[in-house]
């Protein structure tokens, strides 16, 4: 494989890979909810929803806009882009921390959902964030 063609191949294949990883993430979660013997509280849904929202947030910023040569007709808009990315990463990591917290809660108590629900929540959050980063690296405005 010619390494000079990798950006073009990645631009063509990357969105499909990203969509497959995103679909796998939600498949893990739906499988855990459907197969759970106990009712899954709505709070357990929130880490995956917020991870999906965070992936949408950081995909709103183009990679080309955060370099040092960025010019905008507005005053000092580069810090706004970096602040937006920072907030999206904070939402990402908070959703991951919440998923891990629910995993620990599900593993330590017998009253709620099974441990598989907690594991699926962590897998869902991680895969959603990975799919967002895959898409962020492969799409461009060209």
N, C-alpha and C. Protein backbone atom coordinates (compact mmCIF):
# COMPACT_ATOMS: atom_id res chain seq x y z
N UNK A 1 0.84 -1.18 0.00
CA UNK A 1 0.00 0.00 0.00
C UNK A 1 0.88 1.23 0.00
N UNK A 2 0.56 2.16 -0.87
CA UNK A 2 1.32 3.39 -0.97
C UNK A 2 0.91 4.32 0.17
N UNK A 3 1.87 4.78 0.94
CA UNK A 3 1.57 5.63 2.10
C UNK A 3 1.14 7.03 1.70
N UNK A 4 1.37 7.42 0.45
CA UNK A 4 0.94 8.73 0.00
C UNK A 4 -0.57 8.78 -0.24
N UNK A 5 -1.19 7.63 -0.46
CA UNK A 5 -2.63 7.57 -0.68
C UNK A 5 -3.43 7.38 0.60
N UNK A 6 -2.74 7.23 1.72
CA UNK A 6 -3.46 6.96 2.97
C UNK A 6 -4.48 8.05 3.33
N UNK A 7 -4.17 9.35 3.22
CA UNK A 7 -5.20 10.35 3.55
C UNK A 7 -6.45 10.24 2.68
N UNK A 8 -6.27 9.95 1.41
CA UNK A 8 -7.43 9.80 0.52
C UNK A 8 -8.23 8.55 0.87
N UNK A 9 -7.54 7.46 1.16
CA UNK A 9 -8.23 6.23 1.53
C UNK A 9 -8.94 6.41 2.88
N UNK A 10 -8.26 7.06 3.82
CA UNK A 10 -8.86 7.28 5.14
C UNK A 10 -10.09 8.19 5.05
N UNK A 11 -10.03 9.19 4.15
CA UNK A 11 -11.19 10.08 3.96
C UNK A 11 -12.37 9.32 3.37
N UNK A 12 -12.09 8.29 2.58
CA UNK A 12 -13.17 7.51 1.98
C UNK A 12 -13.70 6.42 2.90
N UNK A 13 -12.82 5.80 3.67
CA UNK A 13 -13.20 4.66 4.50
C UNK A 13 -13.55 5.08 5.93
N UNK A 14 -12.96 6.14 6.40
CA UNK A 14 -13.11 6.56 7.79
C UNK A 14 -14.53 6.77 8.26
N UNK A 15 -15.39 7.48 7.49
CA UNK A 15 -16.77 7.64 7.96
C UNK A 15 -17.52 6.32 8.14
N UNK A 16 -17.25 5.35 7.29
CA UNK A 16 -17.88 4.04 7.45
C UNK A 16 -17.40 3.32 8.69
N UNK A 17 -16.10 3.40 8.94
CA UNK A 17 -15.54 2.80 10.15
C UNK A 17 -16.12 3.47 11.39
N UNK A 18 -16.20 4.79 11.33
CA UNK A 18 -16.76 5.54 12.45
C UNK A 18 -18.22 5.15 12.71
N UNK A 19 -18.99 5.03 11.65
CA UNK A 19 -20.39 4.63 11.81
C UNK A 19 -20.54 3.22 12.35
N UNK A 20 -19.64 2.32 11.92
CA UNK A 20 -19.69 0.95 12.42
C UNK A 20 -19.35 0.90 13.91
N UNK A 21 -18.37 1.68 14.34
CA UNK A 21 -18.00 1.71 15.76
C UNK A 21 -19.13 2.34 16.58
N UNK A 22 -19.75 3.39 16.04
CA UNK A 22 -20.88 4.02 16.73
C UNK A 22 -22.06 3.06 16.85
N UNK A 23 -22.33 2.33 15.78
CA UNK A 23 -23.41 1.34 15.82
C UNK A 23 -23.12 0.22 16.81
N UNK A 24 -21.86 -0.22 16.86
CA UNK A 24 -21.48 -1.26 17.83
C UNK A 24 -21.66 -0.76 19.26
N UNK A 25 -21.35 0.51 19.47
CA UNK A 25 -21.50 1.08 20.82
C UNK A 25 -22.95 1.02 21.27
N UNK A 26 -23.84 1.47 20.42
CA UNK A 26 -25.25 1.45 20.81
C UNK A 26 -25.81 0.03 20.82
N UNK A 27 -25.24 -0.86 20.02
CA UNK A 27 -25.67 -2.25 20.06
C UNK A 27 -25.36 -2.87 21.42
N UNK A 28 -24.17 -2.59 21.97
CA UNK A 28 -23.83 -3.08 23.31
C UNK A 28 -24.87 -2.62 24.32
N UNK A 29 -25.23 -1.35 24.25
CA UNK A 29 -26.15 -0.81 25.25
C UNK A 29 -27.55 -1.40 25.08
N UNK A 30 -28.05 -1.48 23.87
CA UNK A 30 -29.39 -2.03 23.65
C UNK A 30 -29.42 -3.49 24.07
N UNK A 31 -28.37 -4.23 23.78
CA UNK A 31 -28.30 -5.62 24.21
C UNK A 31 -28.38 -5.73 25.73
N UNK A 32 -27.66 -4.88 26.42
CA UNK A 32 -27.66 -4.95 27.88
C UNK A 32 -29.03 -4.57 28.46
N UNK A 33 -29.68 -3.59 27.88
CA UNK A 33 -30.99 -3.18 28.40
C UNK A 33 -32.04 -4.25 28.11
N UNK A 34 -32.01 -4.82 26.93
CA UNK A 34 -33.00 -5.84 26.57
C UNK A 34 -32.80 -7.11 27.39
N UNK A 35 -31.55 -7.49 27.62
CA UNK A 35 -31.26 -8.74 28.33
C UNK A 35 -31.24 -8.58 29.85
N UNK A 36 -31.43 -7.38 30.35
CA UNK A 36 -31.38 -7.15 31.80
C UNK A 36 -32.63 -7.71 32.46
N UNK A 37 -32.42 -8.41 33.56
CA UNK A 37 -33.55 -8.97 34.30
C UNK A 37 -34.28 -7.89 35.10
N UNK A 38 -33.55 -6.86 35.53
CA UNK A 38 -34.14 -5.76 36.29
C UNK A 38 -34.33 -4.57 35.36
N UNK A 39 -35.23 -3.68 35.74
CA UNK A 39 -35.45 -2.46 34.97
C UNK A 39 -34.22 -1.56 35.08
N UNK A 40 -33.79 -1.02 33.96
CA UNK A 40 -32.62 -0.15 33.95
C UNK A 40 -33.11 1.28 34.13
N UNK A 41 -32.65 1.96 35.21
CA UNK A 41 -33.09 3.34 35.44
C UNK A 41 -32.62 4.28 34.33
N UNK A 42 -33.35 5.37 34.15
CA UNK A 42 -33.01 6.32 33.10
C UNK A 42 -31.64 6.94 33.31
N UNK A 43 -31.19 7.06 34.56
CA UNK A 43 -29.87 7.62 34.81
C UNK A 43 -28.76 6.82 34.15
N UNK A 44 -28.97 5.53 33.97
CA UNK A 44 -27.96 4.69 33.32
C UNK A 44 -27.84 4.99 31.82
N UNK A 45 -28.88 5.60 31.25
CA UNK A 45 -28.84 5.96 29.83
C UNK A 45 -28.02 7.23 29.58
N UNK A 46 -27.89 8.06 30.57
CA UNK A 46 -27.29 9.39 30.38
C UNK A 46 -25.83 9.39 29.93
N UNK A 47 -24.95 8.52 30.45
CA UNK A 47 -23.56 8.58 29.95
C UNK A 47 -23.44 8.37 28.44
N UNK A 48 -24.19 7.43 27.89
CA UNK A 48 -24.14 7.21 26.45
C UNK A 48 -24.72 8.37 25.66
N UNK A 49 -25.80 8.94 26.18
CA UNK A 49 -26.39 10.10 25.51
C UNK A 49 -25.44 11.29 25.53
N UNK A 50 -24.83 11.54 26.69
CA UNK A 50 -23.89 12.66 26.78
C UNK A 50 -22.62 12.40 25.98
N UNK A 51 -22.17 11.15 25.89
CA UNK A 51 -21.01 10.84 25.05
C UNK A 51 -21.33 11.09 23.59
N UNK A 52 -22.54 10.73 23.16
CA UNK A 52 -22.94 11.01 21.78
C UNK A 52 -23.00 12.51 21.53
N UNK A 53 -23.51 13.26 22.50
CA UNK A 53 -23.56 14.71 22.38
C UNK A 53 -22.15 15.31 22.34
N UNK A 54 -21.24 14.78 23.15
CA UNK A 54 -19.86 15.27 23.16
C UNK A 54 -19.18 14.98 21.83
N UNK A 55 -19.42 13.81 21.24
CA UNK A 55 -18.85 13.49 19.94
C UNK A 55 -19.38 14.46 18.88
N UNK A 56 -20.65 14.79 18.96
CA UNK A 56 -21.21 15.79 18.05
C UNK A 56 -20.56 17.15 18.28
N UNK A 57 -20.33 17.49 19.55
CA UNK A 57 -19.73 18.79 19.87
C UNK A 57 -18.33 18.92 19.27
N UNK A 58 -17.46 17.92 19.47
CA UNK A 58 -16.11 18.12 18.96
C UNK A 58 -16.01 17.88 17.47
N UNK A 59 -17.04 17.32 16.85
CA UNK A 59 -17.03 17.23 15.39
C UNK A 59 -17.56 18.50 14.74
N UNK A 60 -18.03 19.45 15.52
CA UNK A 60 -18.43 20.76 14.98
C UNK A 60 -17.22 21.64 14.68
N UNK A 61 -16.05 21.27 15.17
CA UNK A 61 -14.83 22.05 14.97
C UNK A 61 -13.97 21.36 13.92
N UNK A 62 -13.58 22.12 12.92
CA UNK A 62 -12.69 21.58 11.90
C UNK A 62 -11.27 21.56 12.44
N UNK A 63 -10.53 20.53 12.08
CA UNK A 63 -9.13 20.42 12.52
C UNK A 63 -8.30 21.58 12.00
N UNK A 64 -8.60 22.05 10.81
CA UNK A 64 -7.83 23.13 10.21
C UNK A 64 -8.00 24.45 10.97
N UNK A 65 -9.08 24.57 11.72
CA UNK A 65 -9.36 25.84 12.41
C UNK A 65 -8.60 26.00 13.72
N UNK A 66 -7.96 24.97 14.22
CA UNK A 66 -7.31 25.10 15.52
C UNK A 66 -5.80 25.19 15.41
N UNK A 67 -5.27 25.39 14.21
CA UNK A 67 -3.83 25.54 14.08
C UNK A 67 -3.42 26.99 14.30
N UNK A 68 -2.14 27.27 14.23
CA UNK A 68 -1.63 28.61 14.51
C UNK A 68 -1.88 29.59 13.38
N UNK A 69 -2.16 29.11 12.18
CA UNK A 69 -2.36 29.99 11.04
C UNK A 69 -3.83 30.35 10.83
N UNK A 70 -4.67 30.05 11.79
CA UNK A 70 -6.10 30.29 11.63
C UNK A 70 -6.39 31.78 11.63
N UNK A 71 -7.19 32.21 10.67
CA UNK A 71 -7.61 33.60 10.60
C UNK A 71 -9.12 33.64 10.59
N UNK A 72 -9.66 34.56 11.34
CA UNK A 72 -11.09 34.78 11.36
C UNK A 72 -11.35 36.27 11.29
N UNK A 73 -12.39 36.69 10.60
CA UNK A 73 -12.68 38.13 10.57
C UNK A 73 -13.19 38.65 11.91
N UNK A 74 -13.53 37.75 12.81
CA UNK A 74 -13.97 38.15 14.14
C UNK A 74 -12.76 38.24 15.05
N UNK A 75 -12.89 38.98 16.10
CA UNK A 75 -11.76 39.17 17.02
C UNK A 75 -11.54 37.94 17.88
N UNK A 76 -10.33 37.45 17.92
CA UNK A 76 -9.90 36.39 18.84
C UNK A 76 -10.88 35.21 18.91
N UNK A 77 -11.25 34.67 17.76
CA UNK A 77 -12.20 33.56 17.80
C UNK A 77 -11.51 32.21 17.99
N UNK A 78 -10.18 32.18 17.90
CA UNK A 78 -9.48 30.91 18.09
C UNK A 78 -9.69 30.38 19.52
N UNK A 79 -9.71 31.26 20.50
CA UNK A 79 -9.91 30.80 21.87
C UNK A 79 -11.31 30.24 22.06
N UNK A 80 -12.28 30.73 21.28
CA UNK A 80 -13.63 30.17 21.37
C UNK A 80 -13.67 28.73 20.89
N UNK A 81 -12.95 28.47 19.79
CA UNK A 81 -12.89 27.10 19.29
C UNK A 81 -12.22 26.17 20.29
N UNK A 82 -11.14 26.64 20.88
CA UNK A 82 -10.43 25.81 21.86
C UNK A 82 -11.27 25.64 23.12
N UNK A 83 -12.01 26.66 23.51
CA UNK A 83 -12.90 26.53 24.66
C UNK A 83 -14.01 25.52 24.36
N UNK A 84 -14.57 25.57 23.15
CA UNK A 84 -15.60 24.62 22.74
C UNK A 84 -15.07 23.19 22.78
N UNK A 85 -13.86 22.99 22.25
CA UNK A 85 -13.25 21.67 22.31
C UNK A 85 -13.00 21.23 23.74
N UNK A 86 -12.54 22.15 24.59
CA UNK A 86 -12.30 21.82 25.99
C UNK A 86 -13.59 21.38 26.67
N UNK A 87 -14.67 22.12 26.44
CA UNK A 87 -15.96 21.77 27.04
C UNK A 87 -16.43 20.42 26.52
N UNK A 88 -16.23 20.16 25.23
CA UNK A 88 -16.67 18.86 24.69
C UNK A 88 -15.85 17.72 25.29
N UNK A 89 -14.56 17.95 25.52
CA UNK A 89 -13.75 16.90 26.15
C UNK A 89 -14.12 16.72 27.62
N UNK A 90 -14.49 17.79 28.29
CA UNK A 90 -14.95 17.66 29.68
C UNK A 90 -16.24 16.83 29.72
N UNK A 91 -17.16 17.12 28.81
CA UNK A 91 -18.40 16.33 28.74
C UNK A 91 -18.08 14.86 28.44
N UNK A 92 -17.10 14.63 27.56
CA UNK A 92 -16.70 13.26 27.23
C UNK A 92 -16.20 12.52 28.45
N UNK A 93 -15.28 13.13 29.17
CA UNK A 93 -14.69 12.45 30.31
C UNK A 93 -15.65 12.33 31.48
N UNK A 94 -16.55 13.29 31.64
CA UNK A 94 -17.56 13.17 32.69
C UNK A 94 -18.52 12.02 32.36
N UNK A 95 -18.88 11.89 31.09
CA UNK A 95 -19.76 10.77 30.73
C UNK A 95 -19.05 9.43 30.93
N UNK A 96 -17.75 9.38 30.64
CA UNK A 96 -17.00 8.15 30.88
C UNK A 96 -16.90 7.85 32.37
N UNK A 97 -16.67 8.89 33.18
CA UNK A 97 -16.61 8.69 34.63
C UNK A 97 -17.96 8.23 35.18
N UNK A 98 -19.04 8.77 34.65
CA UNK A 98 -20.37 8.35 35.10
C UNK A 98 -20.63 6.90 34.72
N UNK A 99 -20.21 6.49 33.53
CA UNK A 99 -20.39 5.10 33.12
C UNK A 99 -19.59 4.16 34.02
N UNK A 100 -18.38 4.54 34.37
CA UNK A 100 -17.57 3.72 35.28
C UNK A 100 -18.23 3.69 36.66
N UNK A 101 -18.76 4.82 37.10
CA UNK A 101 -19.46 4.86 38.39
C UNK A 101 -20.66 3.94 38.42
N UNK A 102 -21.43 3.91 37.33
CA UNK A 102 -22.57 2.99 37.27
C UNK A 102 -22.12 1.54 37.21
N UNK A 103 -20.98 1.28 36.56
CA UNK A 103 -20.43 -0.08 36.55
C UNK A 103 -20.09 -0.52 37.97
N UNK A 104 -19.43 0.33 38.72
CA UNK A 104 -19.08 -0.01 40.11
C UNK A 104 -20.35 -0.20 40.93
N UNK A 105 -21.32 0.67 40.75
CA UNK A 105 -22.58 0.56 41.49
C UNK A 105 -23.30 -0.75 41.14
N UNK A 106 -23.33 -1.09 39.86
CA UNK A 106 -24.00 -2.34 39.46
C UNK A 106 -23.27 -3.57 39.96
N UNK A 107 -21.93 -3.48 40.06
CA UNK A 107 -21.15 -4.63 40.51
C UNK A 107 -21.28 -4.83 42.02
N UNK A 108 -21.48 -3.76 42.76
CA UNK A 108 -21.50 -3.86 44.22
C UNK A 108 -22.88 -4.13 44.81
N UNK A 109 -23.93 -3.84 44.05
CA UNK A 109 -25.28 -4.05 44.58
C UNK A 109 -25.99 -5.14 43.80
N UNK A 110 -26.86 -5.84 44.47
CA UNK A 110 -27.64 -6.88 43.82
C UNK A 110 -29.05 -6.42 43.47
N UNK A 111 -29.45 -5.24 43.94
CA UNK A 111 -30.81 -4.78 43.75
C UNK A 111 -31.06 -4.21 42.35
N UNK A 112 -30.06 -3.63 41.73
CA UNK A 112 -30.24 -2.97 40.44
C UNK A 112 -29.94 -3.88 39.27
N UNK A 113 -29.59 -3.26 38.16
CA UNK A 113 -29.24 -4.04 36.96
C UNK A 113 -27.99 -4.88 37.16
N UNK A 114 -27.76 -5.80 36.27
CA UNK A 114 -26.61 -6.69 36.38
C UNK A 114 -25.32 -5.95 36.06
N UNK A 115 -24.21 -6.63 36.33
CA UNK A 115 -22.90 -6.05 36.04
C UNK A 115 -22.71 -5.87 34.54
N UNK A 116 -23.33 -6.74 33.73
CA UNK A 116 -23.21 -6.60 32.28
C UNK A 116 -23.76 -5.25 31.82
N UNK A 117 -24.79 -4.74 32.48
CA UNK A 117 -25.32 -3.42 32.12
C UNK A 117 -24.27 -2.35 32.35
N UNK A 118 -23.54 -2.44 33.44
CA UNK A 118 -22.48 -1.47 33.70
C UNK A 118 -21.33 -1.60 32.72
N UNK A 119 -20.95 -2.83 32.40
CA UNK A 119 -19.88 -3.05 31.42
C UNK A 119 -20.30 -2.52 30.05
N UNK A 120 -21.55 -2.78 29.67
CA UNK A 120 -22.04 -2.30 28.38
C UNK A 120 -22.09 -0.78 28.35
N UNK A 121 -22.41 -0.15 29.47
CA UNK A 121 -22.41 1.31 29.52
C UNK A 121 -21.02 1.88 29.31
N UNK A 122 -20.01 1.25 29.91
CA UNK A 122 -18.63 1.71 29.71
C UNK A 122 -18.20 1.47 28.26
N UNK A 123 -18.50 0.29 27.73
CA UNK A 123 -18.15 0.01 26.33
C UNK A 123 -18.85 0.97 25.39
N UNK A 124 -20.11 1.25 25.65
CA UNK A 124 -20.85 2.18 24.82
C UNK A 124 -20.21 3.56 24.82
N UNK A 125 -19.88 4.05 26.00
CA UNK A 125 -19.29 5.38 26.10
C UNK A 125 -17.94 5.44 25.40
N UNK A 126 -17.11 4.44 25.63
CA UNK A 126 -15.78 4.42 25.01
C UNK A 126 -15.90 4.33 23.49
N UNK A 127 -16.76 3.45 23.00
CA UNK A 127 -16.89 3.29 21.55
C UNK A 127 -17.50 4.52 20.88
N UNK A 128 -18.44 5.16 21.55
CA UNK A 128 -19.03 6.38 20.98
C UNK A 128 -17.95 7.47 20.87
N UNK A 129 -17.14 7.62 21.90
CA UNK A 129 -16.09 8.63 21.85
C UNK A 129 -15.02 8.28 20.82
N UNK A 130 -14.68 7.01 20.70
CA UNK A 130 -13.71 6.58 19.68
C UNK A 130 -14.28 6.84 18.29
N UNK A 131 -15.55 6.56 18.09
CA UNK A 131 -16.14 6.80 16.77
C UNK A 131 -16.16 8.28 16.43
N UNK A 132 -16.41 9.11 17.42
CA UNK A 132 -16.36 10.56 17.19
C UNK A 132 -14.97 11.02 16.81
N UNK A 133 -13.95 10.48 17.48
CA UNK A 133 -12.58 10.85 17.14
C UNK A 133 -12.17 10.30 15.77
N UNK A 134 -12.63 9.11 15.43
CA UNK A 134 -12.34 8.57 14.09
C UNK A 134 -12.93 9.49 13.03
N UNK A 135 -14.18 9.90 13.23
CA UNK A 135 -14.80 10.77 12.24
C UNK A 135 -14.11 12.13 12.20
N UNK A 136 -13.69 12.63 13.34
CA UNK A 136 -13.02 13.93 13.39
C UNK A 136 -11.71 13.90 12.62
N UNK A 137 -11.01 12.76 12.65
CA UNK A 137 -9.73 12.68 11.95
C UNK A 137 -9.90 12.45 10.45
N UNK A 138 -11.04 11.93 10.01
CA UNK A 138 -11.14 11.57 8.59
C UNK A 138 -11.96 12.56 7.77
N UNK A 139 -12.74 13.40 8.37
CA UNK A 139 -13.53 14.32 7.54
C UNK A 139 -12.83 15.65 7.39
N UNK A 140 -13.08 16.29 6.26
CA UNK A 140 -12.56 17.62 6.01
C UNK A 140 -13.56 18.35 5.13
N UNK A 141 -13.34 19.61 4.95
CA UNK A 141 -14.26 20.42 4.16
C UNK A 141 -13.94 20.40 2.67
N UNK A 142 -12.90 19.68 2.27
CA UNK A 142 -12.50 19.65 0.85
C UNK A 142 -13.49 18.91 0.02
